[in-house]
Structures are given as C-alpha cells and as structure tokens.
C-alpha cells in the first residue's frame, strides 16, 4: 500500500534527521565549550570559526524544521503526493546543508598539523 510506504519513509527520515540534529547540536556545543584551545585559536585567526558555527546552526535549523514537519505528517496523516514532494525537497535541502558542514569539517581536519 502506498500510504504504508509513505508512512515508513517519513518515519525513517524522522529518525535520521533527529539523530543528525542531536549530533549537530553536540558539535556546536563542543565548538563553543572549548573556546580557548590551539585548534579554536587557529580557526579564529583564519576567520573560519564564525563560518563553521553559523553553518552548523543553519544545519540545526533545517533539521529541526524537517523533524517538525515529518512529525506533523505522521501525527495528522498527511498522505498526499504534494506533501510527499515537499518532504523530498526538504530531504534534498538537508542533504546539501549537511554536506556543506562535512565539507567544512574536512577542511578543518586537513589544516590540523
């Protein structure tokens, strides 16, 4: 049944996005908590510290919107093609913004000596 498949897809996205949101909040917290280390000083000197924090925060906002939308879809049984297309668009958006955060992290790791 299409509705069952849609509900399982929404449930899976909700779980993945919830886990990613938790990790992103933890990453932001770690960056803010260890504010005086050599690594953070290097990021601040290069001007990337604020960029990374903002990218992580934007990612958290996108994930939170996706989680809230998916929860409403499950709770209110919004099972239409238009709503599913909107959810697919959110999934693409979240994939891009998480990829951007991973790109920043990869750049940071490459700079560590």
Protein backbone atom coordinates (compact mmCIF):
# COMPACT_ATOMS: atom_id res chain seq x y z
CA UNK A 1 0.00 0.00 0.00
CA UNK A 2 1.31 3.47 -0.92
CA UNK A 3 0.23 5.04 2.38
CA UNK A 4 2.17 2.44 4.38
CA UNK A 5 5.26 3.03 2.25
CA UNK A 6 4.92 6.78 2.70
CA UNK A 7 4.48 6.42 6.46
CA UNK A 8 7.57 4.19 6.74
CA UNK A 9 9.59 6.65 4.65
CA UNK A 10 8.54 9.56 6.84
CA UNK A 11 9.32 7.57 9.98
CA UNK A 12 12.79 6.71 8.68
CA UNK A 13 13.54 10.32 7.73
CA UNK A 14 12.31 11.49 11.11
CA UNK A 15 14.67 9.11 12.89
CA UNK A 16 17.69 10.03 10.75
CA UNK A 17 17.02 13.76 10.99
CA UNK A 18 16.51 13.53 14.76
CA UNK A 19 19.84 11.75 15.20
CA UNK A 20 21.62 14.23 12.92
CA UNK A 21 20.09 17.13 14.85
CA UNK A 22 21.46 15.71 18.09
CA UNK A 23 24.93 15.33 16.62
CA UNK A 24 24.90 18.85 15.16
CA UNK A 25 23.84 20.35 18.50
CA UNK A 26 26.63 18.39 20.18
CA UNK A 27 29.15 19.65 17.59
CA UNK A 28 28.06 23.26 18.18
CA UNK A 29 28.31 22.76 21.92
CA UNK A 30 31.81 21.33 21.66
CA UNK A 31 32.98 24.23 19.49
CA UNK A 32 31.53 26.73 21.93
CA UNK A 33 32.76 24.96 25.07
CA UNK A 34 36.40 24.51 24.07
CA UNK A 35 36.85 28.13 23.16
CA UNK A 36 40.49 28.61 24.16
CA UNK A 37 42.37 25.69 22.61
CA UNK A 38 45.08 25.84 19.95
CA UNK A 39 42.74 24.45 17.34
CA UNK A 40 40.00 27.01 18.06
CA UNK A 41 42.60 29.78 18.02
CA UNK A 42 43.70 28.63 14.56
CA UNK A 43 40.08 28.73 13.36
CA UNK A 44 39.54 32.20 14.82
CA UNK A 45 42.78 33.53 13.31
CA UNK A 46 41.80 32.23 9.88
CA UNK A 47 38.28 33.65 10.20
CA UNK A 48 36.60 30.25 9.84
CA UNK A 49 35.31 29.87 13.40
CA UNK A 50 32.22 32.04 12.89
CA UNK A 51 31.57 30.50 9.46
CA UNK A 52 31.63 26.98 10.89
CA UNK A 53 29.41 27.88 13.83
CA UNK A 54 26.87 29.56 11.55
CA UNK A 55 26.89 26.64 9.10
CA UNK A 56 26.27 24.20 11.95
CA UNK A 57 23.50 26.39 13.38
CA UNK A 58 21.82 26.72 9.97
CA UNK A 59 22.01 22.96 9.64
CA UNK A 60 20.35 22.57 13.04
CA UNK A 61 17.53 24.91 11.99
CA UNK A 62 16.95 23.00 8.74
CA UNK A 63 16.97 19.69 10.58
CA UNK A 64 14.58 21.00 13.23
CA UNK A 65 12.14 22.23 10.57
CA UNK A 66 12.36 18.85 8.84
CA UNK A 67 11.76 16.96 12.10
CA UNK A 68 8.76 19.13 12.99
CA UNK A 69 7.28 18.76 9.50
CA UNK A 70 7.77 14.98 9.49
CA UNK A 71 6.20 14.73 12.95
CA UNK A 72 3.13 16.64 11.76
CA UNK A 73 2.93 14.40 8.69
CA UNK A 74 2.89 11.32 10.90
CA UNK A 75 0.54 12.73 13.54
CA UNK A 76 -2.04 14.16 11.15
CA UNK A 77 -1.72 11.50 8.43
CA UNK A 78 -0.83 13.97 5.67
CA UNK A 79 -0.52 11.41 2.89
CA UNK A 80 -0.70 13.30 -0.37
CA UNK A 81 1.72 13.50 -3.29
CA UNK A 82 2.20 17.26 -2.87
CA UNK A 83 3.18 16.89 0.75
CA UNK A 84 5.48 13.98 -0.12
CA UNK A 85 7.19 16.11 -2.79
CA UNK A 86 7.69 18.83 -0.19
CA UNK A 87 9.25 16.26 2.13
CA UNK A 88 11.55 15.11 -0.69
CA UNK A 89 12.58 18.72 -1.24
CA UNK A 90 13.36 19.04 2.46
CA UNK A 91 15.41 15.86 2.28
CA UNK A 92 17.43 17.29 -0.63
CA UNK A 93 17.92 20.58 1.23
CA UNK A 94 19.07 18.83 4.38
CA UNK A 95 21.42 16.60 2.39
CA UNK A 96 23.03 19.67 0.81
CA UNK A 97 23.43 21.56 4.09
CA UNK A 98 24.82 18.51 5.93
CA UNK A 99 27.23 18.04 3.01
CA UNK A 100 28.31 21.65 3.44
CA UNK A 101 29.02 21.05 7.12
CA UNK A 102 31.01 17.93 6.27
CA UNK A 103 32.96 19.95 3.71
CA UNK A 104 33.88 22.47 6.43
CA UNK A 105 34.88 19.67 8.80
CA UNK A 106 37.01 18.05 6.11
CA UNK A 107 38.76 21.39 5.52
CA UNK A 108 39.44 21.71 9.24
CA UNK A 109 40.88 18.23 9.50
CA UNK A 110 43.18 18.90 6.55
CA UNK A 111 44.57 22.00 8.33
CA UNK A 112 45.43 20.14 11.53
CA UNK A 113 49.16 19.59 11.71
